[in-house]
Amino acid sequence: MAAQTNVKRMGARKYFKSVRSELKKVSWPNRKELQSYTMVVLVACGLAALGIWLADSVFGQVIQLLAK
């Protein structure tokens, strides 16, 4: 049982070491790019929420008309 635990620990250590190595290769955005990307995501989320709300309102009205 102890040998199996050591293998798991070595596997985990190797995994995190490789993760750290890969993260060093990542091209991280600078502050201006990050702000720009954040605004794009917020606007896209807002538009999606607006579209879902609009569709929900329309379908709700249609269901109410059909239920009468």
PDB file of N, CA and C in Angstrom:
ATOM      1  N   MET A   1       0.822  -1.198   0.000  1.00  0.00           N
ATOM      2  CA  MET A   1       0.000   0.000   0.000  1.00  0.00           C
ATOM      3  C   MET A   1       0.867   1.263   0.000  1.00  0.00           C
ATOM      4  N   ALA A   2       1.945   1.255   0.749  1.00  0.00           N
ATOM      5  CA  ALA A   2       2.824   2.421   0.816  1.00  0.00           C
ATOM      6  C   ALA A   2       3.503   2.677  -0.521  1.00  0.00           C
ATOM      7  N   ALA A   3       3.853   1.604  -1.223  1.00  0.00           N
ATOM      8  CA  ALA A   3       4.487   1.762  -2.531  1.00  0.00           C
ATOM      9  C   ALA A   3       3.529   2.409  -3.515  1.00  0.00           C
ATOM     10  N   GLN A   4       2.272   2.020  -3.434  1.00  0.00           N
ATOM     11  CA  GLN A   4       1.269   2.591  -4.337  1.00  0.00           C
ATOM     12  C   GLN A   4       1.089   4.085  -4.048  1.00  0.00           C
ATOM     13  N   THR A   5       1.120   4.481  -2.792  1.00  0.00           N
ATOM     14  CA  THR A   5       0.982   5.892  -2.425  1.00  0.00           C
ATOM     15  C   THR A   5       2.155   6.696  -2.975  1.00  0.00           C
ATOM     16  N   ASN A   6       3.366   6.137  -2.896  1.00  0.00           N
ATOM     17  CA  ASN A   6       4.542   6.830  -3.427  1.00  0.00           C
ATOM     18  C   ASN A   6       4.427   7.026  -4.936  1.00  0.00           C
ATOM     19  N   VAL A   7       3.891   6.019  -5.638  1.00  0.00           N
ATOM     20  CA  VAL A   7       3.715   6.135  -7.086  1.00  0.00           C
ATOM     21  C   VAL A   7       2.719   7.243  -7.394  1.00  0.00           C
ATOM     22  N   LYS A   8       1.648   7.309  -6.630  1.00  0.00           N
ATOM     23  CA  LYS A   8       0.653   8.364  -6.848  1.00  0.00           C
ATOM     24  C   LYS A   8       1.257   9.738  -6.593  1.00  0.00           C
ATOM     25  N   ARG A   9       2.066   9.849  -5.549  1.00  0.00           N
ATOM     26  CA  ARG A   9       2.695  11.138  -5.253  1.00  0.00           C
ATOM     27  C   ARG A   9       3.672  11.526  -6.347  1.00  0.00           C
ATOM     28  N   MET A  10       4.428  10.585  -6.825  1.00  0.00           N
ATOM     29  CA  MET A  10       5.378  10.886  -7.902  1.00  0.00           C
ATOM     30  C   MET A  10       4.617  11.284  -9.161  1.00  0.00           C
ATOM     31  N   GLY A  11       3.494  10.625  -9.426  1.00  0.00           N
ATOM     32  CA  GLY A  11       2.682  10.979 -10.584  1.00  0.00           C
ATOM     33  C   GLY A  11       2.129  12.385 -10.456  1.00  0.00           C
ATOM     34  N   ALA A  12       1.664  12.723  -9.266  1.00  0.00           N
ATOM     35  CA  ALA A  12       1.119  14.058  -9.031  1.00  0.00           C
ATOM     36  C   ALA A  12       2.220  15.102  -9.148  1.00  0.00           C
ATOM     37  N   ARG A  13       3.387  14.804  -8.611  1.00  0.00           N
ATOM     38  CA  ARG A  13       4.506  15.744  -8.676  1.00  0.00           C
ATOM     39  C   ARG A  13       4.909  15.989 -10.129  1.00  0.00           C
ATOM     40  N   LYS A  14       4.978  14.915 -10.884  1.00  0.00           N
ATOM     41  CA  LYS A  14       5.341  15.037 -12.305  1.00  0.00           C
ATOM     42  C   LYS A  14       4.275  15.828 -13.063  1.00  0.00           C
ATOM     43  N   TYR A  15       3.007  15.561 -12.737  1.00  0.00           N
ATOM     44  CA  TYR A  15       1.900  16.259 -13.395  1.00  0.00           C
ATOM     45  C   TYR A  15       2.002  17.770 -13.152  1.00  0.00           C
ATOM     46  N   PHE A  16       2.135  18.173 -11.902  1.00  0.00           N
ATOM     47  CA  PHE A  16       2.192  19.601 -11.591  1.00  0.00           C
ATOM     48  C   PHE A  16       3.452  20.259 -12.142  1.00  0.00           C
ATOM     49  N   LYS A  17       4.531  19.517 -12.208  1.00  0.00           N
ATOM     50  CA  LYS A  17       5.756  20.046 -12.801  1.00  0.00           C
ATOM     51  C   LYS A  17       5.539  20.322 -14.288  1.00  0.00           C
ATOM     52  N   SER A  18       4.847  19.403 -14.975  1.00  0.00           N
ATOM     53  CA  SER A  18       4.579  19.615 -16.400  1.00  0.00           C
ATOM     54  C   SER A  18       3.569  20.737 -16.610  1.00  0.00           C
ATOM     55  N   VAL A  19       2.613  20.870 -15.695  1.00  0.00           N
ATOM     56  CA  VAL A  19       1.652  21.979 -15.786  1.00  0.00           C
ATOM     57  C   VAL A  19       2.390  23.307 -15.667  1.00  0.00           C
ATOM     58  N   ARG A  20       3.286  23.391 -14.714  1.00  0.00           N
ATOM     59  CA  ARG A  20       4.056  24.624 -14.522  1.00  0.00           C
ATOM     60  C   ARG A  20       4.890  24.933 -15.771  1.00  0.00           C
ATOM     61  N   SER A  21       5.469  23.895 -16.345  1.00  0.00           N
ATOM     62  CA  SER A  21       6.274  24.061 -17.550  1.00  0.00           C
ATOM     63  C   SER A  21       5.426  24.581 -18.714  1.00  0.00           C
ATOM     64  N   GLU A  22       4.222  24.036 -18.860  1.00  0.00           N
ATOM     65  CA  GLU A  22       3.344  24.473 -19.948  1.00  0.00           C
ATOM     66  C   GLU A  22       2.849  25.907 -19.733  1.00  0.00           C
ATOM     67  N   LEU A  23       2.585  26.278 -18.486  1.00  0.00           N
ATOM     68  CA  LEU A  23       2.114  27.635 -18.204  1.00  0.00           C
ATOM     69  C   LEU A  23       3.172  28.681 -18.528  1.00  0.00           C
ATOM     70  N   LYS A  24       4.426  28.302 -18.481  1.00  0.00           N
ATOM     71  CA  LYS A  24       5.482  29.241 -18.846  1.00  0.00           C
ATOM     72  C   LYS A  24       5.484  29.528 -20.343  1.00  0.00           C
ATOM     73  N   LYS A  25       4.899  28.635 -21.131  1.00  0.00           N
ATOM     74  CA  LYS A  25       4.848  28.799 -22.583  1.00  0.00           C
ATOM     75  C   LYS A  25       3.656  29.647 -23.038  1.00  0.00           C
ATOM     76  N   VAL A  26       2.723  29.905 -22.136  1.00  0.00           N
ATOM     77  CA  VAL A  26       1.501  30.623 -22.482  1.00  0.00           C
ATOM     78  C   VAL A  26       1.813  32.080 -22.790  1.00  0.00           C
ATOM     79  N   SER A  27       1.186  32.611 -23.815  1.00  0.00           N
ATOM     80  CA  SER A  27       1.324  34.022 -24.152  1.00  0.00           C
ATOM     81  C   SER A  27       0.191  34.781 -23.444  1.00  0.00           C
ATOM     82  N   TRP A  28       0.510  35.411 -22.325  1.00  0.00           N
ATOM     83  CA  TRP A  28      -0.494  36.092 -21.531  1.00  0.00           C
ATOM     84  C   TRP A  28      -0.773  37.482 -22.111  1.00  0.00           C
ATOM     85  N   PRO A  29      -2.038  37.933 -22.080  1.00  0.00           N
ATOM     86  CA  PRO A  29      -2.353  39.265 -22.599  1.00  0.00           C
ATOM     87  C   PRO A  29      -1.846  40.355 -21.663  1.00  0.00           C
ATOM     88  N   ASN A  30      -1.556  41.526 -22.262  1.00  0.00           N
ATOM     89  CA  ASN A  30      -1.164  42.649 -21.408  1.00  0.00           C
ATOM     90  C   ASN A  30      -2.434  43.295 -20.835  1.00  0.00           C
ATOM     91  N   ARG A  31      -2.260  44.313 -20.005  1.00  0.00           N
ATOM     92  CA  ARG A  31      -3.396  44.910 -19.296  1.00  0.00           C
ATOM     93  C   ARG A  31      -4.446  45.481 -20.256  1.00  0.00           C
ATOM     94  N   LYS A  32      -3.992  46.169 -21.304  1.00  0.00           N
ATOM     95  CA  LYS A  32      -4.914  46.790 -22.256  1.00  0.00           C
ATOM     96  C   LYS A  32      -5.716  45.722 -23.008  1.00  0.00           C
ATOM     97  N   GLU A  33      -5.048  44.668 -23.433  1.00  0.00           N
ATOM     98  CA  GLU A  33      -5.735  43.580 -24.128  1.00  0.00           C
ATOM     99  C   GLU A  33      -6.742  42.901 -23.198  1.00  0.00           C
ATOM    100  N   LEU A  34      -6.348  42.699 -21.957  1.00  0.00           N
ATOM    101  CA  LEU A  34      -7.233  42.052 -20.990  1.00  0.00           C
ATOM    102  C   LEU A  34      -8.501  42.879 -20.759  1.00  0.00           C
ATOM    103  N   GLN A  35      -8.349  44.194 -20.639  1.00  0.00           N
ATOM    104  CA  GLN A  35      -9.511  45.060 -20.472  1.00  0.00           C
ATOM    105  C   GLN A  35     -10.408  45.002 -21.701  1.00  0.00           C
ATOM    106  N   SER A  36      -9.814  44.988 -22.859  1.00  0.00           N
ATOM    107  CA  SER A  36     -10.574  44.917 -24.102  1.00  0.00           C
ATOM    108  C   SER A  36     -11.345  43.599 -24.193  1.00  0.00           C
ATOM    109  N   TYR A  37     -10.664  42.496 -23.901  1.00  0.00           N
ATOM    110  CA  TYR A  37     -11.324  41.179 -23.951  1.00  0.00           C
ATOM    111  C   TYR A  37     -12.443  41.084 -22.918  1.00  0.00           C
ATOM    112  N   THR A  38     -12.223  41.670 -21.753  1.00  0.00           N
ATOM    113  CA  THR A  38     -13.242  41.654 -20.702  1.00  0.00           C
ATOM    114  C   THR A  38     -14.483  42.404 -21.145  1.00  0.00           C
ATOM    115  N   MET A  39     -14.291  43.549 -21.796  1.00  0.00           N
ATOM    116  CA  MET A  39     -15.447  44.314 -22.281  1.00  0.00           C
ATOM    117  C   MET A  39     -16.209  43.539 -23.348  1.00  0.00           C
ATOM    118  N   VAL A  40     -15.499  42.865 -24.232  1.00  0.00           N
ATOM    119  CA  VAL A  40     -16.150  42.067 -25.267  1.00  0.00           C
ATOM    120  C   VAL A  40     -16.998  40.977 -24.623  1.00  0.00           C
ATOM    121  N   VAL A  41     -16.459  40.312 -23.612  1.00  0.00           N
ATOM    122  CA  VAL A  41     -17.199  39.240 -22.934  1.00  0.00           C
ATOM    123  C   VAL A  41     -18.420  39.801 -22.220  1.00  0.00           C
ATOM    124  N   LEU A  42     -18.272  40.931 -21.534  1.00  0.00           N
ATOM    125  CA  LEU A  42     -19.408  41.525 -20.821  1.00  0.00           C
ATOM    126  C   LEU A  42     -20.509  41.962 -21.782  1.00  0.00           C
ATOM    127  N   VAL A  43     -20.142  42.577 -22.895  1.00  0.00           N
ATOM    128  CA  VAL A  43     -21.134  42.997 -23.889  1.00  0.00           C
ATOM    129  C   VAL A  43     -21.823  41.775 -24.487  1.00  0.00           C
ATOM    130  N   ALA A  44     -21.056  40.734 -24.816  1.00  0.00           N
ATOM    131  CA  ALA A  44     -21.650  39.520 -25.386  1.00  0.00           C
ATOM    132  C   ALA A  44     -22.605  38.866 -24.393  1.00  0.00           C
ATOM    133  N   CYS A  45     -22.236  38.821 -23.121  1.00  0.00           N
ATOM    134  CA  CYS A  45     -23.121  38.252 -22.098  1.00  0.00           C
ATOM    135  C   CYS A  45     -24.393  39.089 -21.955  1.00  0.00           C
ATOM    136  N   GLY A  46     -24.238  40.410 -21.983  1.00  0.00           N
ATOM    137  CA  GLY A  46     -25.405  41.290 -21.896  1.00  0.00           C
ATOM    138  C   GLY A  46     -26.345  41.097 -23.070  1.00  0.00           C
ATOM    139  N   LEU A  47     -25.796  40.995 -24.277  1.00  0.00           N
ATOM    140  CA  LEU A  47     -26.630  40.781 -25.459  1.00  0.00           C
ATOM    141  C   LEU A  47     -27.318  39.418 -25.415  1.00  0.00           C
ATOM    142  N   ALA A  48     -26.611  38.413 -24.959  1.00  0.00           N
ATOM    143  CA  ALA A  48     -27.212  37.078 -24.835  1.00  0.00           C
ATOM    144  C   ALA A  48     -28.344  37.098 -23.807  1.00  0.00           C
ATOM    145  N   ALA A  49     -28.115  37.759 -22.670  1.00  0.00           N
ATOM    146  CA  ALA A  49     -29.156  37.860 -21.639  1.00  0.00           C
ATOM    147  C   ALA A  49     -30.369  38.613 -22.168  1.00  0.00           C
ATOM    148  N   LEU A  50     -30.140  39.679 -22.910  1.00  0.00           N
ATOM    149  CA  LEU A  50     -31.234  40.452 -23.496  1.00  0.00           C
ATOM    150  C   LEU A  50     -32.028  39.597 -24.492  1.00  0.00           C
ATOM    151  N   GLY A  51     -31.318  38.842 -25.313  1.00  0.00           N
ATOM    152  CA  GLY A  51     -31.983  37.971 -26.281  1.00  0.00           C
ATOM    153  C   GLY A  51     -32.804  36.887 -25.609  1.00  0.00           C
ATOM    154  N   ILE A  52     -32.268  36.294 -24.562  1.00  0.00           N
ATOM    155  CA  ILE A  52     -33.005  35.249 -23.840  1.00  0.00           C
ATOM    156  C   ILE A  52     -34.225  35.843 -23.153  1.00  0.00           C
ATOM    157  N   TRP A  53     -34.059  37.020 -22.543  1.00  0.00           N
ATOM    158  CA  TRP A  53     -35.199  37.676 -21.898  1.00  0.00           C
ATOM    159  C   TRP A  53     -36.295  38.000 -22.917  1.00  0.00           C
ATOM    160  N   LEU A  54     -35.899  38.508 -24.085  1.00  0.00           N
ATOM    161  CA  LEU A  54     -36.863  38.845 -25.124  1.00  0.00           C
ATOM    162  C   LEU A  54     -37.600  37.600 -25.611  1.00  0.00           C
ATOM    163  N   ALA A  55     -36.862  36.536 -25.874  1.00  0.00           N
ATOM    164  CA  ALA A  55     -37.482  35.287 -26.328  1.00  0.00           C
ATOM    165  C   ALA A  55     -38.413  34.733 -25.256  1.00  0.00           C
ATOM    166  N   ASP A  56     -38.014  34.789 -24.004  1.00  0.00           N
ATOM    167  CA  ASP A  56     -38.844  34.305 -22.907  1.00  0.00           C
ATOM    168  C   ASP A  56     -40.131  35.119 -22.804  1.00  0.00           C
ATOM    169  N   SER A  57     -40.024  36.425 -22.964  1.00  0.00           N
ATOM    170  CA  SER A  57     -41.211  37.280 -22.896  1.00  0.00           C
ATOM    171  C   SER A  57     -42.176  36.967 -24.033  1.00  0.00           C
ATOM    172  N   VAL A  58     -41.654  36.819 -25.237  1.00  0.00           N
ATOM    173  CA  VAL A  58     -42.500  36.514 -26.396  1.00  0.00           C
ATOM    174  C   VAL A  58     -43.174  35.166 -26.220  1.00  0.00           C
ATOM    175  N   PHE A  59     -42.408  34.140 -25.857  1.00  0.00           N
ATOM    176  CA  PHE A  59     -42.995  32.813 -25.679  1.00  0.00           C
ATOM    177  C   PHE A  59     -43.996  32.798 -24.529  1.00  0.00           C
ATOM    178  N   GLY A  60     -43.725  33.560 -23.476  1.00  0.00           N
ATOM    179  CA  GLY A  60     -44.676  33.656 -22.365  1.00  0.00           C
ATOM    180  C   GLY A  60     -46.002  34.254 -22.814  1.00  0.00           C
ATOM    181  N   GLN A  61     -45.939  35.309 -23.627  1.00  0.00           N
ATOM    182  CA  GLN A  61     -47.161  35.922 -24.141  1.00  0.00           C
ATOM    183  C   GLN A  61     -47.923  34.966 -25.053  1.00  0.00           C
ATOM    184  N   VAL A  62     -47.195  34.235 -25.895  1.00  0.00           N
ATOM    185  CA  VAL A  62     -47.827  33.268 -26.795  1.00  0.00           C
ATOM    186  C   VAL A  62     -48.527  32.173 -25.986  1.00  0.00           C
ATOM    187  N   ILE A  63     -47.873  31.682 -24.950  1.00  0.00           N
ATOM    188  CA  ILE A  63     -48.469  30.635 -24.107  1.00  0.00           C
ATOM    189  C   ILE A  63     -49.720  31.175 -23.429  1.00  0.00           C
ATOM    190  N   GLN A  64     -49.677  32.408 -22.937  1.00  0.00           N
ATOM    191  CA  GLN A  64     -50.852  32.987 -22.294  1.00  0.00           C
ATOM    192  C   GLN A  64     -52.010  33.117 -23.277  1.00  0.00           C
ATOM    193  N   LEU A  65     -51.724  33.519 -24.522  1.00  0.00           N
ATOM    194  CA  LEU A  65     -52.776  33.627 -25.527  1.00  0.00           C
ATOM    195  C   LEU A  65     -53.368  32.260 -25.881  1.00  0.00           C
ATOM    196  N   LEU A  66     -52.528  31.258 -25.951  1.00  0.00           N
ATOM    197  CA  LEU A  66     -53.006  29.915 -26.264  1.00  0.00           C
ATOM    198  C   LEU A  66     -53.774  29.294 -25.110  1.00  0.00           C
ATOM    199  N   ALA A  67     -53.464  29.685 -23.897  1.00  0.00           N
ATOM    200  CA  ALA A  67     -54.113  29.109 -22.719  1.00  0.00           C
ATOM    201  C   ALA A  67     -55.526  29.671 -22.523  1.00  0.00           C
ATOM    202  N   LYS A  68     -55.813  30.814 -23.115  1.00  0.00           N
ATOM    203  CA  LYS A  68     -57.140  31.426 -22.934  1.00  0.00           C
ATOM    204  C   LYS A  68     -58.195  30.732 -23.721  1.00  0.00           C
TER     205      LYS A  68
END
